[in-house]
Protein backbone atom coordinates (compact mmCIF):
# COMPACT_ATOMS: atom_id res chain seq x y z
CA MET A 1 15.39 -4.85 1.63
CA SER A 2 12.17 -3.49 0.17
CA ASN A 3 11.75 -1.92 -3.25
CA LEU A 4 9.45 0.96 -4.10
CA VAL A 5 7.47 0.79 -7.34
CA VAL A 6 5.01 3.47 -8.46
CA PHE A 7 2.47 2.49 -11.10
CA GLY A 8 0.30 4.96 -13.00
CA PHE A 9 -3.18 4.06 -14.27
CA ASP A 10 -5.87 5.57 -16.46
CA GLY A 11 -9.04 5.95 -14.44
CA VAL A 12 -9.53 7.36 -10.97
CA HIS A 13 -10.24 4.05 -9.20
CA SER A 14 -7.85 1.73 -11.07
CA ALA A 15 -5.06 2.03 -8.49
CA ASP A 16 -7.51 1.08 -5.72
CA GLU A 17 -8.63 -1.98 -7.68
CA VAL A 18 -5.03 -3.08 -8.25
CA LEU A 19 -4.21 -2.62 -4.55
CA ASN A 20 -7.16 -4.87 -3.68
CA LYS A 21 -5.87 -7.43 -6.20
CA LEU A 22 -2.37 -7.26 -4.66
CA ARG A 23 -3.81 -7.74 -1.17
CA SER A 24 -5.56 -10.91 -2.34
CA LEU A 25 -2.29 -12.10 -3.91
CA GLN A 26 -0.56 -11.34 -0.61
CA LYS A 27 -2.91 -13.78 1.13
CA GLY A 28 -1.66 -16.39 -1.35
CA HIS A 29 1.96 -15.51 -0.45
CA LEU A 30 2.75 -14.36 -4.00
CA ILE A 31 3.72 -10.84 -2.90
CA ASP A 32 4.76 -9.33 0.42
CA LEU A 33 3.75 -5.68 0.71
CA GLU A 34 5.36 -3.57 3.42
CA ASP A 35 3.34 -0.45 2.66
CA ALA A 36 1.08 0.95 -0.04
CA CYS A 37 -0.55 4.24 -0.92
CA VAL A 38 -3.11 5.22 -3.56
CA VAL A 39 -3.24 8.68 -5.14
CA GLU A 40 -6.30 9.62 -7.16
CA ARG A 41 -6.69 12.78 -9.26
CA GLU A 42 -10.30 13.66 -9.99
CA PRO A 43 -11.34 15.10 -13.39
CA ASP A 44 -11.43 18.56 -11.76
CA GLY A 45 -7.77 18.12 -10.68
CA LYS A 46 -8.40 17.52 -6.96
CA VAL A 47 -5.93 15.01 -5.48
CA HIS A 48 -6.88 12.37 -2.86
CA ILE A 49 -4.24 10.35 -0.99
CA LYS A 50 -5.21 7.09 0.72
CA GLN A 51 -2.67 5.48 3.04
CA ALA A 52 -2.93 1.70 3.35
CA VAL A 53 -1.64 1.70 6.95
CA ASN A 54 -3.55 3.85 9.45
CA LEU A 55 -0.76 4.68 11.90
CA VAL A 56 -3.03 6.52 14.36
CA ALA A 57 -5.33 3.52 14.81
CA LEU A 58 -2.39 1.11 14.88
CA GLY A 59 -0.60 3.22 17.50
CA ALA A 60 -3.76 3.55 19.61
CA ALA A 61 -4.36 -0.21 19.55
CA GLN A 62 -0.78 -1.09 20.46
CA GLY A 63 -0.60 1.67 23.09
CA GLY A 64 -3.89 0.63 24.64
CA THR A 65 -2.77 -2.99 24.91
CA MET A 66 0.57 -2.13 26.48
CA GLY A 67 -1.05 0.48 28.73
CA ALA A 68 -3.57 -2.05 30.00
CA LEU A 69 -0.81 -4.56 30.71
CA TRP A 70 1.38 -2.09 32.60
CA GLY A 71 -1.64 -0.48 34.30
CA GLY A 72 -2.77 -3.89 35.54
CA LEU A 73 0.69 -4.64 36.91
CA VAL A 74 0.95 -1.27 38.66
CA GLY A 75 -2.64 -1.69 39.89
CA LEU A 76 -1.58 -4.93 41.58
CA LEU A 77 0.82 -2.91 43.73
CA PHE A 78 -2.06 -0.74 44.94
CA LEU A 79 -4.47 -3.70 45.25
CA ASN A 80 -6.71 -2.46 42.44
CA PRO A 81 -5.59 -4.09 39.18
CA LEU A 82 -8.85 -3.41 37.29
CA ALA A 83 -8.66 0.34 37.85
CA GLY A 84 -4.97 0.30 36.96
CA MET A 85 -5.71 -1.67 33.79
CA ALA A 86 -8.46 0.74 32.73
CA LEU A 87 -6.38 3.85 33.40
CA GLY A 88 -3.36 2.28 31.73
CA ALA A 89 -5.37 1.36 28.64
CA VAL A 90 -6.73 4.90 28.27
CA ALA A 91 -3.33 6.51 28.78
CA GLY A 92 -1.60 4.01 26.49
CA ALA A 93 -4.18 4.43 23.71
CA GLY A 94 -3.81 8.20 23.86
CA ALA A 95 -0.03 8.05 23.80
CA GLY A 96 -0.09 5.46 21.00
CA ALA A 97 -2.44 7.57 18.88
CA ILE A 98 -0.20 10.61 19.29
CA SER A 99 2.95 8.69 18.43
CA GLY A 100 1.19 7.05 15.46
CA SER A 101 0.15 10.42 14.06
CA LEU A 102 3.74 11.67 14.33
CA ALA A 103 5.38 8.58 12.82
CA ASP A 104 6.30 8.37 9.15
CA TYR A 105 6.45 4.70 8.30
CA GLY A 106 7.15 3.19 4.91
CA ILE A 107 6.68 5.43 1.88
CA ASP A 108 7.69 9.07 2.40
CA ASP A 109 4.59 11.30 2.52
CA ASP A 110 6.29 14.25 0.79
CA PHE A 111 7.34 11.99 -2.10
CA VAL A 112 3.75 10.76 -2.45
CA LYS A 113 2.36 14.32 -2.44
CA ASN A 114 4.92 15.63 -4.94
CA LEU A 115 4.49 12.77 -7.40
CA GLY A 116 0.71 12.81 -6.89
CA ASP A 117 0.63 16.43 -8.07
CA THR A 118 2.17 15.38 -11.40
CA ILE A 119 -0.30 12.69 -12.46
CA PRO A 120 -2.91 13.72 -15.07
CA ALA A 121 -6.54 14.45 -14.24
CA ASN A 122 -8.87 11.43 -14.20
CA SER A 123 -6.06 9.02 -13.35
CA SER A 124 -4.49 7.35 -10.33
CA ALA A 125 -1.17 6.06 -9.04
CA LEU A 126 -0.28 3.17 -6.77
CA PHE A 127 2.81 3.36 -4.56
CA VAL A 128 3.87 -0.07 -3.29
CA LEU A 129 6.79 -0.94 -1.03
CA ILE A 130 7.48 -4.58 -1.87
CA LYS A 131 9.52 -6.95 0.32
CA SER A 132 9.27 -9.88 -2.09
CA VAL A 133 7.29 -10.86 -5.18
CA THR A 134 6.76 -13.81 -7.50
CA GLU A 135 6.81 -11.73 -10.69
CA ASP A 136 5.61 -14.38 -13.13
CA LYS A 137 2.43 -14.87 -11.05
CA VAL A 138 1.75 -11.26 -10.04
CA LEU A 139 2.41 -9.31 -13.25
CA PRO A 140 -0.23 -11.15 -15.32
CA GLU A 141 -2.79 -10.38 -12.60
CA ILE A 142 -2.25 -6.60 -12.75
CA GLU A 143 -1.64 -6.32 -16.50
CA PRO A 144 -5.35 -5.96 -17.46
CA TYR A 145 -5.24 -2.57 -15.68
CA ASN A 146 -2.52 -1.31 -18.10
CA PRO A 147 -0.04 -0.09 -15.48
CA ARG A 148 2.75 2.33 -16.39
CA VAL A 149 5.91 2.32 -14.31
CA LEU A 150 6.36 5.90 -13.08
CA LYS A 151 9.19 5.49 -10.54
CA THR A 152 11.09 2.69 -8.85
CA SER A 153 13.93 2.15 -6.43
CA LEU A 154 15.05 -0.80 -8.56
CA SER A 155 18.34 -0.86 -10.42
CA ASN A 156 18.20 0.40 -14.01
CA GLU A 157 18.34 -3.11 -15.43
CA ALA A 158 15.68 -4.45 -13.03
CA GLU A 159 13.41 -1.50 -13.88
CA LEU A 160 13.92 -2.14 -17.60
CA LYS A 161 13.11 -5.83 -17.07
CA LEU A 162 9.88 -4.88 -15.26
CA LYS A 163 8.84 -2.49 -18.03
CA GLU A 164 9.58 -5.10 -20.68
CA ALA A 165 7.59 -7.76 -18.81
CA LEU A 166 4.59 -5.43 -18.56
CA ALA A 167 4.89 -4.46 -22.24
CA LYS A 168 5.17 -8.13 -23.26
CA ALA A 169 2.09 -9.03 -21.23
CA ALA A 170 0.21 -6.04 -22.70
CA ALA A 171 1.12 -7.11 -26.24
CA GLY A 172 -0.16 -10.62 -25.50
CA LEU A 173 -3.46 -9.26 -24.16
CA HIS A 174 -4.03 -6.88 -27.03
CA ALA A 175 -3.13 -9.30 -29.82
CA ALA A 176 -6.14 -10.47 -31.77
CA PRO A 177 -6.61 -14.23 -31.96
CA ALA A 178 -5.81 -15.74 -35.33
CA ALA A 179 -8.84 -16.57 -37.46
CA THR A 180 -9.31 -20.22 -38.27
CA PRO A 181 -10.38 -21.10 -41.82
CA ALA A 182 -13.79 -22.66 -42.16
CA THR A 183 -13.96 -26.11 -43.73
């Protein structure tokens, strides 16, 4: 089961930077993201929402592939598999794009819009749907961005543990090194 965590950041592009960091950590198998979304609020208050998964393009690609396969098979029946494959690919891509635009996968769009309207100007939020995570490796990587936990689907105690881990890491980053006496 996946867990939703919404982080808030100071700065319009901070959430984008953290998402890029999480994607690099995903390549190292330290986190498994199911979906992600970035919300940015400009200084003038305008809100931009960036979905990490483009469902229209994904649907078109999958539909085109399946359409070409089925079109080629049907084309074999009429002794013209290339024409069948081409027509099938076009029809499948169109149908896939339509179904992709109608699908709501992962994080609920209304939830993103509603919470995005509440973040302050000149800030951003990152919505991540996480399948699994190695917390002790991932949290130190995102801590320099000073994330605030805005919402989660975690249990109360797991959410508290996450907030404490981020606060502990922040305290460690902001602590001044001890001066060493000169001899």
